[in-house]
Amino acid sequence: MGQKVHPKGFRLGIIEGWESKWYARREYATMLHEDLRIRQFIKRRLYHAGLAKVEIERAANKAKVNVHTARPGIVIGKKGAEIEKLKSELGKLTGRECFINIHEVRRPDLDAQLVAENVGLQLERRVAFRRAMKEAVARGMRMGALGIRIQSSGRLGGTEISRREWYREGRVPLHTLRAEISYGFAQAYTTYGVIGIKVWIFRGEVLTRQEEEQRAATGA
């Protein structure tokens, strides 16, 4: 059996950080489920806005939600109307004061979650899966990715038996801890069934200050 490790979880505390930043003693389970509810709610509301990730920070009875999106204009709305509406809805959902910060994802073609969702939307619109995958790979490489791998599995093209197909360009070193790998997963709900899309994007290596100094010295 192939046993896979999540690329982000594997690098936590080394080059990756946590998406929930808070500490709790007794109410840990309550807060954890609250985080899940917040993420599900925001994902449902802002799916069309290209949501990359949601970070949650807590202090006392307040929650700060950082939303990373490819289309901040849609999230903010006219004169900030949409964001105020979202803020009040989150307050009702959690029963605590919520603050929302919007962060723009400048290069959506290098964010694996956005790429996976984009391929999923194309599959739902009946675009040929090979074409959708190849285009996403080409766009990612054009935008400066060092390597990209896209995998689709399910009843591809409406075939009777489900299968898995993948394309890769460049290198995707999953075992290298200092390699910055962006990983995303999305599902396409087609008339034949659900198709799962996984994307890995290698964006370069994260070096420590010592390694950077060593490289600079050897390069000089």
N, C-alpha and C. Protein backbone atom coordinates (compact mmCIF):
# COMPACT_ATOMS: atom_id res chain seq x y z
N MET A 1 0.84 -1.19 0.00
CA MET A 1 0.00 0.00 0.00
C MET A 1 0.88 1.25 0.00
N GLY A 2 0.53 2.20 -0.87
CA GLY A 2 1.29 3.45 -0.88
C GLY A 2 0.86 4.32 0.28
N GLN A 3 1.80 4.73 1.11
CA GLN A 3 1.46 5.58 2.25
C GLN A 3 2.07 6.96 2.05
N LYS A 4 1.19 7.94 1.95
CA LYS A 4 1.64 9.30 1.61
C LYS A 4 1.59 10.22 2.84
N VAL A 5 2.53 11.11 2.91
CA VAL A 5 2.56 12.11 3.98
C VAL A 5 2.14 13.45 3.37
N HIS A 6 1.31 14.19 4.09
CA HIS A 6 0.88 15.51 3.60
C HIS A 6 2.10 16.44 3.55
N PRO A 7 2.38 17.05 2.38
CA PRO A 7 3.58 17.88 2.24
C PRO A 7 3.68 19.02 3.25
N LYS A 8 2.52 19.57 3.66
CA LYS A 8 2.56 20.68 4.63
C LYS A 8 2.84 20.14 6.04
N GLY A 9 2.10 19.09 6.43
CA GLY A 9 2.28 18.51 7.76
C GLY A 9 3.69 18.00 7.99
N PHE A 10 4.31 17.50 6.93
CA PHE A 10 5.68 16.97 6.99
C PHE A 10 6.68 18.08 7.30
N ARG A 11 6.36 19.31 6.87
CA ARG A 11 7.30 20.44 7.01
C ARG A 11 6.93 21.40 8.14
N LEU A 12 5.88 21.08 8.90
CA LEU A 12 5.45 21.97 9.99
C LEU A 12 6.56 22.17 11.01
N GLY A 13 6.79 23.42 11.36
CA GLY A 13 7.82 23.72 12.35
C GLY A 13 9.21 23.79 11.76
N ILE A 14 9.34 23.47 10.47
CA ILE A 14 10.65 23.54 9.81
C ILE A 14 10.65 24.72 8.85
N ILE A 15 9.84 24.64 7.79
CA ILE A 15 9.70 25.81 6.91
C ILE A 15 8.25 26.27 6.80
N GLU A 16 7.33 25.46 7.33
CA GLU A 16 5.90 25.81 7.27
C GLU A 16 5.38 26.17 8.66
N GLY A 17 4.38 27.03 8.70
CA GLY A 17 3.77 27.41 9.98
C GLY A 17 2.36 26.85 10.10
N TRP A 18 1.76 26.98 11.27
CA TRP A 18 0.41 26.48 11.50
C TRP A 18 -0.62 27.48 10.98
N GLU A 19 -1.77 26.98 10.54
CA GLU A 19 -2.83 27.86 10.04
C GLU A 19 -3.77 28.30 11.17
N SER A 20 -3.67 27.65 12.32
CA SER A 20 -4.42 28.09 13.51
C SER A 20 -3.39 28.43 14.57
N LYS A 21 -3.39 29.70 14.99
CA LYS A 21 -2.38 30.14 15.96
C LYS A 21 -3.06 30.57 17.25
N TRP A 22 -3.16 29.63 18.20
CA TRP A 22 -3.74 29.93 19.51
C TRP A 22 -3.38 28.82 20.47
N TYR A 23 -3.60 29.10 21.76
CA TYR A 23 -3.28 28.12 22.79
C TYR A 23 -4.50 27.94 23.68
N ALA A 24 -4.83 26.69 24.02
CA ALA A 24 -5.97 26.44 24.89
C ALA A 24 -5.67 25.26 25.82
N ARG A 25 -6.23 25.33 27.02
CA ARG A 25 -6.03 24.23 27.96
C ARG A 25 -7.25 23.30 27.93
N ARG A 26 -8.35 23.79 28.49
CA ARG A 26 -9.53 22.92 28.62
C ARG A 26 -10.44 22.96 27.40
N GLU A 27 -10.54 24.15 26.78
CA GLU A 27 -11.53 24.30 25.70
C GLU A 27 -10.92 24.01 24.32
N TYR A 28 -9.88 23.19 24.28
CA TYR A 28 -9.19 22.89 23.01
C TYR A 28 -10.16 22.33 21.96
N ALA A 29 -10.93 21.30 22.33
CA ALA A 29 -11.84 20.63 21.38
C ALA A 29 -12.87 21.61 20.83
N THR A 30 -13.42 22.46 21.72
CA THR A 30 -14.43 23.44 21.31
C THR A 30 -13.86 24.39 20.28
N MET A 31 -12.64 24.90 20.56
CA MET A 31 -12.01 25.86 19.64
C MET A 31 -11.64 25.20 18.30
N LEU A 32 -11.20 23.96 18.37
CA LEU A 32 -10.83 23.23 17.15
C LEU A 32 -12.04 23.09 16.23
N HIS A 33 -13.17 22.70 16.81
CA HIS A 33 -14.40 22.55 16.00
C HIS A 33 -14.90 23.90 15.51
N GLU A 34 -14.68 24.93 16.31
CA GLU A 34 -15.06 26.29 15.90
C GLU A 34 -14.23 26.71 14.69
N ASP A 35 -12.93 26.41 14.72
CA ASP A 35 -12.04 26.70 13.59
C ASP A 35 -12.54 26.01 12.33
N LEU A 36 -12.92 24.73 12.46
CA LEU A 36 -13.42 23.97 11.31
C LEU A 36 -14.69 24.60 10.75
N ARG A 37 -15.59 25.03 11.66
CA ARG A 37 -16.84 25.67 11.22
C ARG A 37 -16.56 26.98 10.49
N ILE A 38 -15.62 27.77 11.03
CA ILE A 38 -15.25 29.05 10.40
C ILE A 38 -14.72 28.80 8.99
N ARG A 39 -13.80 27.82 8.87
CA ARG A 39 -13.19 27.52 7.56
C ARG A 39 -14.23 27.04 6.55
N GLN A 40 -15.12 26.13 7.00
CA GLN A 40 -16.16 25.60 6.10
C GLN A 40 -17.10 26.71 5.64
N PHE A 41 -17.47 27.58 6.58
CA PHE A 41 -18.39 28.68 6.27
C PHE A 41 -17.77 29.64 5.26
N ILE A 42 -16.51 30.06 5.51
CA ILE A 42 -15.83 31.01 4.62
C ILE A 42 -15.61 30.37 3.24
N LYS A 43 -15.24 29.09 3.23
CA LYS A 43 -15.00 28.38 1.96
C LYS A 43 -16.28 28.35 1.13
N ARG A 44 -17.40 28.07 1.82
CA ARG A 44 -18.69 28.00 1.11
C ARG A 44 -19.10 29.36 0.56
N ARG A 45 -18.92 30.41 1.39
CA ARG A 45 -19.32 31.75 0.99
C ARG A 45 -18.44 32.34 -0.11
N LEU A 46 -17.13 32.07 -0.04
CA LEU A 46 -16.19 32.75 -0.94
C LEU A 46 -15.50 31.82 -1.94
N TYR A 47 -16.13 30.70 -2.26
CA TYR A 47 -15.51 29.73 -3.16
C TYR A 47 -15.19 30.36 -4.52
N HIS A 48 -16.12 31.22 -4.99
CA HIS A 48 -15.97 31.87 -6.31
C HIS A 48 -14.86 32.93 -6.31
N ALA A 49 -14.39 33.33 -5.12
CA ALA A 49 -13.39 34.40 -5.03
C ALA A 49 -11.96 33.86 -5.05
N GLY A 50 -11.79 32.57 -5.26
CA GLY A 50 -10.44 31.98 -5.31
C GLY A 50 -9.76 32.02 -3.96
N LEU A 51 -10.25 31.18 -3.03
CA LEU A 51 -9.75 31.17 -1.65
C LEU A 51 -8.56 30.21 -1.54
N ALA A 52 -7.39 30.74 -1.18
CA ALA A 52 -6.19 29.91 -1.06
C ALA A 52 -6.10 29.26 0.31
N LYS A 53 -6.19 30.08 1.37
CA LYS A 53 -6.16 29.52 2.74
C LYS A 53 -6.76 30.51 3.73
N VAL A 54 -7.15 29.98 4.90
CA VAL A 54 -7.73 30.79 5.97
C VAL A 54 -6.91 30.55 7.24
N GLU A 55 -6.32 31.62 7.77
CA GLU A 55 -5.53 31.52 9.01
C GLU A 55 -6.34 32.13 10.15
N ILE A 56 -6.31 31.47 11.30
CA ILE A 56 -7.08 31.95 12.45
C ILE A 56 -6.15 32.18 13.65
N GLU A 57 -6.23 33.38 14.21
CA GLU A 57 -5.46 33.71 15.41
C GLU A 57 -6.45 34.10 16.50
N ARG A 58 -6.14 33.70 17.74
CA ARG A 58 -7.05 34.01 18.85
C ARG A 58 -6.32 34.67 20.00
N ALA A 59 -7.02 35.58 20.68
CA ALA A 59 -6.52 36.19 21.91
C ALA A 59 -7.74 36.57 22.74
N ALA A 60 -7.78 36.12 24.00
CA ALA A 60 -8.93 36.34 24.89
C ALA A 60 -10.20 35.83 24.20
N ASN A 61 -11.22 36.68 24.07
CA ASN A 61 -12.48 36.21 23.45
C ASN A 61 -12.64 36.78 22.03
N LYS A 62 -11.52 37.03 21.38
CA LYS A 62 -11.55 37.59 20.03
C LYS A 62 -10.86 36.65 19.05
N ALA A 63 -11.28 36.69 17.81
CA ALA A 63 -10.66 35.86 16.77
C ALA A 63 -10.30 36.73 15.57
N LYS A 64 -9.07 36.57 15.10
CA LYS A 64 -8.63 37.31 13.91
C LYS A 64 -8.52 36.30 12.76
N VAL A 65 -9.25 36.56 11.70
CA VAL A 65 -9.27 35.63 10.55
C VAL A 65 -8.55 36.28 9.38
N ASN A 66 -7.47 35.64 8.92
CA ASN A 66 -6.72 36.13 7.75
C ASN A 66 -7.13 35.32 6.53
N VAL A 67 -7.75 35.98 5.58
CA VAL A 67 -8.24 35.31 4.36
C VAL A 67 -7.30 35.62 3.20
N HIS A 68 -6.71 34.57 2.62
CA HIS A 68 -5.81 34.73 1.47
C HIS A 68 -6.61 34.40 0.21
N THR A 69 -6.80 35.40 -0.63
CA THR A 69 -7.66 35.21 -1.81
C THR A 69 -7.03 35.81 -3.07
N ALA A 70 -7.41 35.24 -4.22
CA ALA A 70 -6.89 35.73 -5.50
C ALA A 70 -7.69 36.95 -5.98
N ARG A 71 -8.93 37.09 -5.47
CA ARG A 71 -9.78 38.22 -5.90
C ARG A 71 -10.28 38.99 -4.68
N PRO A 72 -9.43 39.84 -4.10
CA PRO A 72 -9.84 40.55 -2.88
C PRO A 72 -11.01 41.50 -3.08
N GLY A 73 -11.18 42.03 -4.30
CA GLY A 73 -12.28 42.96 -4.59
C GLY A 73 -13.64 42.33 -4.35
N ILE A 74 -13.79 41.06 -4.73
CA ILE A 74 -15.07 40.35 -4.56
C ILE A 74 -15.37 40.17 -3.07
N VAL A 75 -14.31 39.84 -2.29
CA VAL A 75 -14.48 39.59 -0.85
C VAL A 75 -14.86 40.87 -0.12
N ILE A 76 -14.17 41.98 -0.46
CA ILE A 76 -14.40 43.25 0.23
C ILE A 76 -15.75 43.86 -0.17
N GLY A 77 -16.09 43.79 -1.46
CA GLY A 77 -17.37 44.33 -1.93
C GLY A 77 -17.34 45.84 -2.07
N LYS A 78 -18.47 46.41 -2.47
CA LYS A 78 -18.56 47.85 -2.69
C LYS A 78 -18.51 48.59 -1.35
N LYS A 79 -17.50 49.45 -1.20
CA LYS A 79 -17.28 50.23 0.04
C LYS A 79 -17.20 49.34 1.28
N GLY A 80 -16.73 48.11 1.09
CA GLY A 80 -16.53 47.20 2.23
C GLY A 80 -17.81 46.57 2.75
N ALA A 81 -18.87 46.58 1.93
CA ALA A 81 -20.17 46.05 2.38
C ALA A 81 -20.11 44.54 2.64
N GLU A 82 -19.49 43.82 1.71
CA GLU A 82 -19.43 42.35 1.80
C GLU A 82 -18.65 41.89 3.03
N ILE A 83 -17.53 42.58 3.29
CA ILE A 83 -16.68 42.18 4.42
C ILE A 83 -17.37 42.45 5.75
N GLU A 84 -18.15 43.53 5.83
CA GLU A 84 -18.89 43.82 7.06
C GLU A 84 -19.97 42.77 7.30
N LYS A 85 -20.61 42.36 6.21
CA LYS A 85 -21.66 41.33 6.28
C LYS A 85 -21.05 40.01 6.77
N LEU A 86 -19.88 39.67 6.20
CA LEU A 86 -19.18 38.44 6.56
C LEU A 86 -18.77 38.47 8.03
N LYS A 87 -18.33 39.64 8.48
CA LYS A 87 -17.88 39.83 9.87
C LYS A 87 -19.03 39.57 10.85
N SER A 88 -20.21 40.14 10.54
CA SER A 88 -21.36 39.96 11.43
C SER A 88 -21.83 38.50 11.43
N GLU A 89 -21.77 37.84 10.26
CA GLU A 89 -22.18 36.43 10.16
C GLU A 89 -21.24 35.53 10.96
N LEU A 90 -19.93 35.84 10.90
CA LEU A 90 -18.96 35.07 11.67
C LEU A 90 -19.17 35.28 13.16
N GLY A 91 -19.53 36.51 13.55
CA GLY A 91 -19.82 36.82 14.96
C GLY A 91 -20.99 35.99 15.47
N LYS A 92 -22.04 35.86 14.63
CA LYS A 92 -23.21 35.05 15.02
C LYS A 92 -22.84 33.57 15.11
N LEU A 93 -21.99 33.11 14.17
CA LEU A 93 -21.61 31.70 14.12
C LEU A 93 -20.78 31.29 15.33
N THR A 94 -19.86 32.16 15.75
CA THR A 94 -18.92 31.81 16.82
C THR A 94 -19.32 32.35 18.19
N GLY A 95 -20.12 33.42 18.19
CA GLY A 95 -20.50 34.03 19.45
C GLY A 95 -19.38 34.84 20.08
N ARG A 96 -18.43 35.24 19.26
CA ARG A 96 -17.32 36.10 19.75
C ARG A 96 -16.98 37.15 18.71
N GLU A 97 -16.23 38.16 19.10
CA GLU A 97 -15.87 39.24 18.18
C GLU A 97 -14.85 38.74 17.16
N CYS A 98 -15.12 38.96 15.88
CA CYS A 98 -14.21 38.49 14.82
C CYS A 98 -13.70 39.67 14.00
N PHE A 99 -12.43 39.62 13.67
CA PHE A 99 -11.81 40.61 12.78
C PHE A 99 -11.36 39.88 11.52
N ILE A 100 -11.55 40.51 10.37
CA ILE A 100 -11.15 39.85 9.11
C ILE A 100 -10.11 40.70 8.39
N ASN A 101 -9.01 40.06 8.03
CA ASN A 101 -7.98 40.72 7.22
C ASN A 101 -7.92 40.02 5.87
N ILE A 102 -7.86 40.79 4.80
CA ILE A 102 -7.80 40.22 3.45
C ILE A 102 -6.37 40.33 2.91
N HIS A 103 -5.82 39.22 2.45
CA HIS A 103 -4.48 39.21 1.86
C HIS A 103 -4.61 38.75 0.41
N GLU A 104 -4.02 39.48 -0.50
CA GLU A 104 -4.11 39.12 -1.93
C GLU A 104 -3.05 38.09 -2.29
N VAL A 105 -3.47 37.05 -3.03
CA VAL A 105 -2.53 36.07 -3.57
C VAL A 105 -2.11 36.61 -4.94
N ARG A 106 -0.88 37.08 -5.02
CA ARG A 106 -0.43 37.79 -6.23
C ARG A 106 -0.25 36.87 -7.44
N ARG A 107 0.20 35.63 -7.18
CA ARG A 107 0.40 34.70 -8.31
C ARG A 107 -0.43 33.42 -8.09
N PRO A 108 -1.72 33.48 -8.46
CA PRO A 108 -2.59 32.32 -8.22
C PRO A 108 -2.16 31.05 -8.94
N ASP A 109 -1.40 31.19 -10.05
CA ASP A 109 -0.95 30.00 -10.78
C ASP A 109 0.14 29.24 -10.04
N LEU A 110 0.66 29.83 -8.94
CA LEU A 110 1.67 29.14 -8.13
C LEU A 110 1.10 28.68 -6.79
N ASP A 111 -0.21 28.81 -6.61
CA ASP A 111 -0.86 28.31 -5.40
C ASP A 111 -1.59 27.02 -5.75
N ALA A 112 -1.15 25.91 -5.18
CA ALA A 112 -1.66 24.59 -5.56
C ALA A 112 -3.17 24.45 -5.33
N GLN A 113 -3.69 25.02 -4.23
CA GLN A 113 -5.12 24.92 -3.94
C GLN A 113 -5.95 25.60 -5.03
N LEU A 114 -5.51 26.79 -5.46
CA LEU A 114 -6.24 27.53 -6.50
C LEU A 114 -6.15 26.82 -7.85
N VAL A 115 -4.98 26.23 -8.13
CA VAL A 115 -4.81 25.49 -9.39
C VAL A 115 -5.73 24.27 -9.41
N ALA A 116 -5.78 23.54 -8.28
CA ALA A 116 -6.63 22.34 -8.19
C ALA A 116 -8.11 22.71 -8.38
N GLU A 117 -8.55 23.81 -7.74
CA GLU A 117 -9.95 24.24 -7.86
C GLU A 117 -10.27 24.69 -9.28
N ASN A 118 -9.30 25.34 -9.92
CA ASN A 118 -9.49 25.79 -11.30
C ASN A 118 -9.66 24.60 -12.24
N VAL A 119 -8.82 23.57 -12.07
CA VAL A 119 -8.93 22.35 -12.90
C VAL A 119 -10.27 21.67 -12.63
N GLY A 120 -10.68 21.64 -11.35
CA GLY A 120 -11.97 21.05 -10.98
C GLY A 120 -13.14 21.74 -11.65
N LEU A 121 -13.13 23.07 -11.68
CA LEU A 121 -14.20 23.84 -12.34
C LEU A 121 -14.25 23.54 -13.83
N GLN A 122 -13.06 23.41 -14.43
CA GLN A 122 -13.02 23.08 -15.87
C GLN A 122 -13.61 21.70 -16.14
N LEU A 123 -13.31 20.73 -15.26
CA LEU A 123 -13.84 19.37 -15.44
C LEU A 123 -15.37 19.37 -15.29
N GLU A 124 -15.88 20.21 -14.37
CA GLU A 124 -17.34 20.31 -14.20
C GLU A 124 -18.00 20.94 -15.43
N ARG A 125 -17.22 21.79 -16.14
CA ARG A 125 -17.75 22.41 -17.38
C ARG A 125 -17.50 21.53 -18.60
N ARG A 126 -17.10 20.31 -18.36
CA ARG A 126 -16.89 19.28 -19.41
C ARG A 126 -15.70 19.57 -20.33
N VAL A 127 -14.71 20.26 -19.82
CA VAL A 127 -13.45 20.44 -20.57
C VAL A 127 -12.69 19.12 -20.48
N ALA A 128 -12.00 18.72 -21.55
CA ALA A 128 -11.24 17.46 -21.54
C ALA A 128 -10.19 17.51 -20.42
N PHE A 129 -10.13 16.45 -19.60
CA PHE A 129 -9.26 16.48 -18.42
C PHE A 129 -7.79 16.63 -18.78
N ARG A 130 -7.36 16.02 -19.89
CA ARG A 130 -5.94 16.11 -20.29
C ARG A 130 -5.58 17.55 -20.63
N ARG A 131 -6.48 18.19 -21.35
CA ARG A 131 -6.23 19.58 -21.75
C ARG A 131 -6.16 20.49 -20.52
N ALA A 132 -7.12 20.32 -19.58
CA ALA A 132 -7.16 21.15 -18.37
C ALA A 132 -5.88 20.97 -17.56
N MET A 133 -5.42 19.72 -17.42
CA MET A 133 -4.22 19.44 -16.63
C MET A 133 -2.97 20.00 -17.29
N LYS A 134 -2.86 19.78 -18.61
CA LYS A 134 -1.67 20.24 -19.33
C LYS A 134 -1.56 21.77 -19.33
N GLU A 135 -2.70 22.43 -19.48
CA GLU A 135 -2.71 23.91 -19.46
C GLU A 135 -2.27 24.43 -18.10
N ALA A 136 -2.76 23.79 -17.02
CA ALA A 136 -2.40 24.22 -15.66
C ALA A 136 -0.90 24.03 -15.42
N VAL A 137 -0.35 22.92 -15.91
CA VAL A 137 1.10 22.65 -15.78
C VAL A 137 1.89 23.72 -16.53
N ALA A 138 1.49 24.01 -17.76
CA ALA A 138 2.19 24.99 -18.59
C ALA A 138 2.15 26.39 -17.96
N ARG A 139 0.97 26.78 -17.41
CA ARG A 139 0.83 28.08 -16.78
C ARG A 139 1.73 28.20 -15.56
N GLY A 140 1.75 27.15 -14.74
CA GLY A 140 2.57 27.15 -13.53
C GLY A 140 4.04 27.29 -13.84
N MET A 141 4.51 26.56 -14.87
CA MET A 141 5.93 26.62 -15.26
C MET A 141 6.27 28.00 -15.83
N ARG A 142 5.31 28.59 -16.55
CA ARG A 142 5.52 29.93 -17.11
C ARG A 142 5.66 30.98 -16.01
N MET A 143 4.90 30.78 -14.92
CA MET A 143 4.90 31.74 -13.82
C MET A 143 6.13 31.60 -12.92
N GLY A 144 6.97 30.61 -13.19
CA GLY A 144 8.22 30.50 -12.42
C GLY A 144 8.31 29.33 -11.46
N ALA A 145 7.40 28.36 -11.54
CA ALA A 145 7.50 27.17 -10.69
C ALA A 145 8.70 26.33 -11.14
N LEU A 146 9.39 25.71 -10.18
CA LEU A 146 10.53 24.85 -10.53
C LEU A 146 10.06 23.46 -10.90
N GLY A 147 8.87 23.12 -10.47
CA GLY A 147 8.31 21.81 -10.82
C GLY A 147 6.84 21.79 -10.43
N ILE A 148 6.04 21.02 -11.17
CA ILE A 148 4.60 20.92 -10.87
C ILE A 148 4.10 19.53 -11.25
N ARG A 149 3.25 18.99 -10.39
CA ARG A 149 2.64 17.68 -10.68
C ARG A 149 1.14 17.79 -10.42
N ILE A 150 0.34 17.32 -11.38
CA ILE A 150 -1.12 17.33 -11.23
C ILE A 150 -1.64 15.92 -11.44
N GLN A 151 -2.51 15.49 -10.53
CA GLN A 151 -3.06 14.14 -10.62
C GLN A 151 -4.58 14.19 -10.53
N SER A 152 -5.25 13.49 -11.43
CA SER A 152 -6.72 13.39 -11.39
C SER A 152 -7.10 11.93 -11.26
N SER A 153 -8.09 11.65 -10.42
CA SER A 153 -8.52 10.25 -10.30
C SER A 153 -10.05 10.19 -10.18
N GLY A 154 -10.61 9.20 -10.85
CA GLY A 154 -12.06 9.02 -10.87
C GLY A 154 -12.48 8.51 -12.24
N ARG A 155 -13.74 8.70 -12.58
CA ARG A 155 -14.23 8.24 -13.90
C ARG A 155 -13.87 9.30 -14.94
N LEU A 156 -12.60 9.34 -15.30
CA LEU A 156 -12.11 10.36 -16.22
C LEU A 156 -12.70 10.14 -17.62
N GLY A 157 -13.26 11.22 -18.17
CA GLY A 157 -13.86 11.13 -19.51
C GLY A 157 -15.13 10.29 -19.53
N GLY A 158 -15.69 10.00 -18.34
CA GLY A 158 -16.93 9.22 -18.26
C GLY A 158 -16.75 7.74 -18.49
N THR A 159 -15.53 7.22 -18.34
CA THR A 159 -15.28 5.78 -18.56
C THR A 159 -15.97 4.95 -17.47
N GLU A 160 -16.15 3.67 -17.78
CA GLU A 160 -16.84 2.75 -16.86
C GLU A 160 -16.01 2.49 -15.60
N ILE A 161 -14.69 2.32 -15.80
CA ILE A 161 -13.80 2.03 -14.66
C ILE A 161 -12.99 3.28 -14.31
N SER A 162 -12.95 3.59 -13.01
CA SER A 162 -12.20 4.79 -12.59
C SER A 162 -10.70 4.51 -12.67
N ARG A 163 -9.93 5.55 -12.94
CA ARG A 163 -8.48 5.40 -13.03
C ARG A 163 -7.80 6.69 -12.59
N ARG A 164 -6.47 6.64 -12.58
CA ARG A 164 -5.72 7.81 -12.14
C ARG A 164 -4.75 8.21 -13.25
N GLU A 165 -4.69 9.50 -13.53
CA GLU A 165 -3.73 10.00 -14.54
C GLU A 165 -3.02 11.21 -13.97
N TRP A 166 -1.75 11.35 -14.29
CA TRP A 166 -1.00 12.51 -13.78
C TRP A 166 0.02 13.00 -14.79
N TYR A 167 0.35 14.29 -14.64
CA TYR A 167 1.37 14.93 -15.48
C TYR A 167 2.36 15.64 -14.56
N ARG A 168 3.61 15.59 -14.96
CA ARG A 168 4.62 16.29 -14.17
C ARG A 168 5.62 16.99 -15.08
N GLU A 169 6.02 18.17 -14.65
CA GLU A 169 7.07 18.89 -15.38
C GLU A 169 8.02 19.47 -14.34
N GLY A 170 9.29 19.47 -14.64
CA GLY A 170 10.28 19.94 -13.66
C GLY A 170 10.46 18.90 -12.57
N ARG A 171 10.95 19.33 -11.40
CA ARG A 171 11.14 18.37 -10.31
C ARG A 171 10.31 18.75 -9.09
N VAL A 172 9.81 17.74 -8.39
CA VAL A 172 8.99 17.95 -7.19
C VAL A 172 9.59 17.10 -6.06
N PRO A 173 10.60 17.63 -5.34
CA PRO A 173 11.29 16.82 -4.32
C PRO A 173 10.51 16.74 -3.00
N LEU A 174 9.65 15.73 -2.86
CA LEU A 174 8.78 15.62 -1.69
C LEU A 174 9.54 15.23 -0.42
N HIS A 175 10.74 14.64 -0.57
CA HIS A 175 11.49 14.20 0.61
C HIS A 175 12.41 15.28 1.16
N THR A 176 12.59 16.36 0.39
CA THR A 176 13.51 17.43 0.83
C THR A 176 12.74 18.40 1.73
N LEU A 177 13.13 18.45 3.01
CA LEU A 177 12.38 19.26 3.98
C LEU A 177 12.46 20.75 3.70
N ARG A 178 13.57 21.22 3.13
CA ARG A 178 13.67 22.66 2.88
C ARG A 178 13.02 23.08 1.56
N ALA A 179 12.51 22.09 0.80
CA ALA A 179 11.82 22.41 -0.46
C ALA A 179 10.43 22.95 -0.14
N GLU A 180 10.10 24.11 -0.69
CA GLU A 180 8.78 24.72 -0.45
C GLU A 180 7.78 24.12 -1.44
N ILE A 181 6.98 23.18 -0.93
CA ILE A 181 6.00 22.49 -1.78
C ILE A 181 4.60 23.00 -1.43
N SER A 182 3.93 23.56 -2.41
CA SER A 182 2.54 23.99 -2.21
C SER A 182 1.65 22.81 -2.65
N TYR A 183 0.74 22.37 -1.76
CA TYR A 183 -0.10 21.22 -2.06
C TYR A 183 -1.57 21.61 -1.98
N GLY A 184 -2.35 21.16 -2.94
CA GLY A 184 -3.78 21.47 -2.94
C GLY A 184 -4.62 20.29 -3.40
N PHE A 185 -5.84 20.21 -2.88
CA PHE A 185 -6.76 19.13 -3.25
C PHE A 185 -8.14 19.73 -3.50
N ALA A 186 -8.77 19.30 -4.59
CA ALA A 186 -10.13 19.76 -4.90
C ALA A 186 -10.92 18.60 -5.50
N GLN A 187 -12.25 18.75 -5.48
CA GLN A 187 -13.11 17.71 -6.05
C GLN A 187 -14.02 18.33 -7.11
N ALA A 188 -14.14 17.61 -8.23
CA ALA A 188 -15.04 18.05 -9.30
C ALA A 188 -16.26 17.12 -9.31
N TYR A 189 -17.45 17.71 -9.18
CA TYR A 189 -18.68 16.90 -9.15
C TYR A 189 -19.27 16.85 -10.56
N THR A 190 -18.93 15.79 -11.27
CA THR A 190 -19.41 15.64 -12.66
C THR A 190 -20.63 14.72 -12.69
N THR A 191 -21.25 14.61 -13.86
CA THR A 191 -22.44 13.77 -14.00
C THR A 191 -22.09 12.28 -13.81
N TYR A 192 -20.82 11.92 -14.05
CA TYR A 192 -20.41 10.51 -13.92
C TYR A 192 -19.97 10.17 -12.49
N GLY A 193 -19.70 11.17 -11.69
CA GLY A 193 -19.23 10.92 -10.34
C GLY A 193 -18.21 11.97 -9.92
N VAL A 194 -17.61 11.76 -8.77
CA VAL A 194 -16.64 12.73 -8.23
C VAL A 194 -15.24 12.44 -8.76
N ILE A 195 -14.56 13.50 -9.20
CA ILE A 195 -13.16 13.37 -9.64
C ILE A 195 -12.30 14.16 -8.67
N GLY A 196 -11.29 13.51 -8.12
CA GLY A 196 -10.38 14.17 -7.18
C GLY A 196 -9.16 14.72 -7.91
N ILE A 197 -8.79 15.94 -7.59
CA ILE A 197 -7.61 16.57 -8.23
C ILE A 197 -6.60 16.93 -7.14
N LYS A 198 -5.37 16.46 -7.30
CA LYS A 198 -4.29 16.81 -6.37
C LYS A 198 -3.21 17.55 -7.14
N VAL A 199 -2.66 18.59 -6.51
CA VAL A 199 -1.62 19.40 -7.18
C VAL A 199 -0.46 19.62 -6.21
N TRP A 200 0.76 19.39 -6.71
CA TRP A 200 1.98 19.69 -5.96
C TRP A 200 2.78 20.71 -6.79
N ILE A 201 3.18 21.82 -6.18
CA ILE A 201 4.00 22.82 -6.90
C ILE A 201 5.27 23.09 -6.10
N PHE A 202 6.41 22.89 -6.74
CA PHE A 202 7.70 23.16 -6.10
C PHE A 202 8.11 24.59 -6.43
N ARG A 203 8.18 25.44 -5.36
CA ARG A 203 8.44 26.86 -5.58
C ARG A 203 9.85 27.29 -5.22
N GLY A 204 10.72 26.36 -4.93
CA GLY A 204 12.10 26.72 -4.58
C GLY A 204 12.46 26.22 -3.20
N GLU A 205 13.71 26.45 -2.82
CA GLU A 205 14.18 25.99 -1.51
C GLU A 205 14.26 27.15 -0.53
N VAL A 206 13.86 26.88 0.71
CA VAL A 206 13.93 27.89 1.77
C VAL A 206 15.23 27.64 2.52
N LEU A 207 16.16 28.58 2.41
CA LEU A 207 17.48 28.40 3.03
C LEU A 207 17.56 29.15 4.35
N THR A 208 18.36 28.61 5.29
CA THR A 208 18.60 29.33 6.54
C THR A 208 19.60 30.45 6.25
N ARG A 209 19.76 31.36 7.20
CA ARG A 209 20.68 32.48 7.01
C ARG A 209 22.12 31.98 6.80
N GLN A 210 22.49 30.93 7.56
CA GLN A 210 23.85 30.37 7.44
C GLN A 210 24.08 29.81 6.03
N GLU A 211 23.07 29.08 5.52
CA GLU A 211 23.19 28.49 4.18
C GLU A 211 23.29 29.58 3.12
N GLU A 212 22.51 30.65 3.30
CA GLU A 212 22.57 31.78 2.35
C GLU A 212 23.94 32.42 2.35
N GLU A 213 24.49 32.60 3.56
CA GLU A 213 25.84 33.19 3.68
C GLU A 213 26.90 32.30 3.04
N GLN A 214 26.76 30.98 3.26
CA GLN A 214 27.70 30.03 2.66
C GLN A 214 27.63 30.07 1.13
N ARG A 215 26.39 30.09 0.63
CA ARG A 215 26.22 30.15 -0.83
C ARG A 215 26.81 31.43 -1.42
N ALA A 216 26.57 32.55 -0.71
CA ALA A 216 27.07 33.83 -1.18
C ALA A 216 28.61 33.81 -1.17
N ALA A 217 29.20 33.19 -0.12
CA ALA A 217 30.67 33.12 -0.02
C ALA A 217 31.27 32.26 -1.12
N THR A 218 30.65 31.10 -1.39
CA THR A 218 31.17 30.21 -2.44
C THR A 218 30.95 30.81 -3.83
N GLY A 219 29.80 31.51 -3.96
CA GLY A 219 29.50 32.16 -5.25
C GLY A 219 30.46 33.30 -5.54
N ALA A 220 30.88 34.00 -4.47
CA ALA A 220 31.82 35.12 -4.63
C ALA A 220 33.20 34.58 -4.94
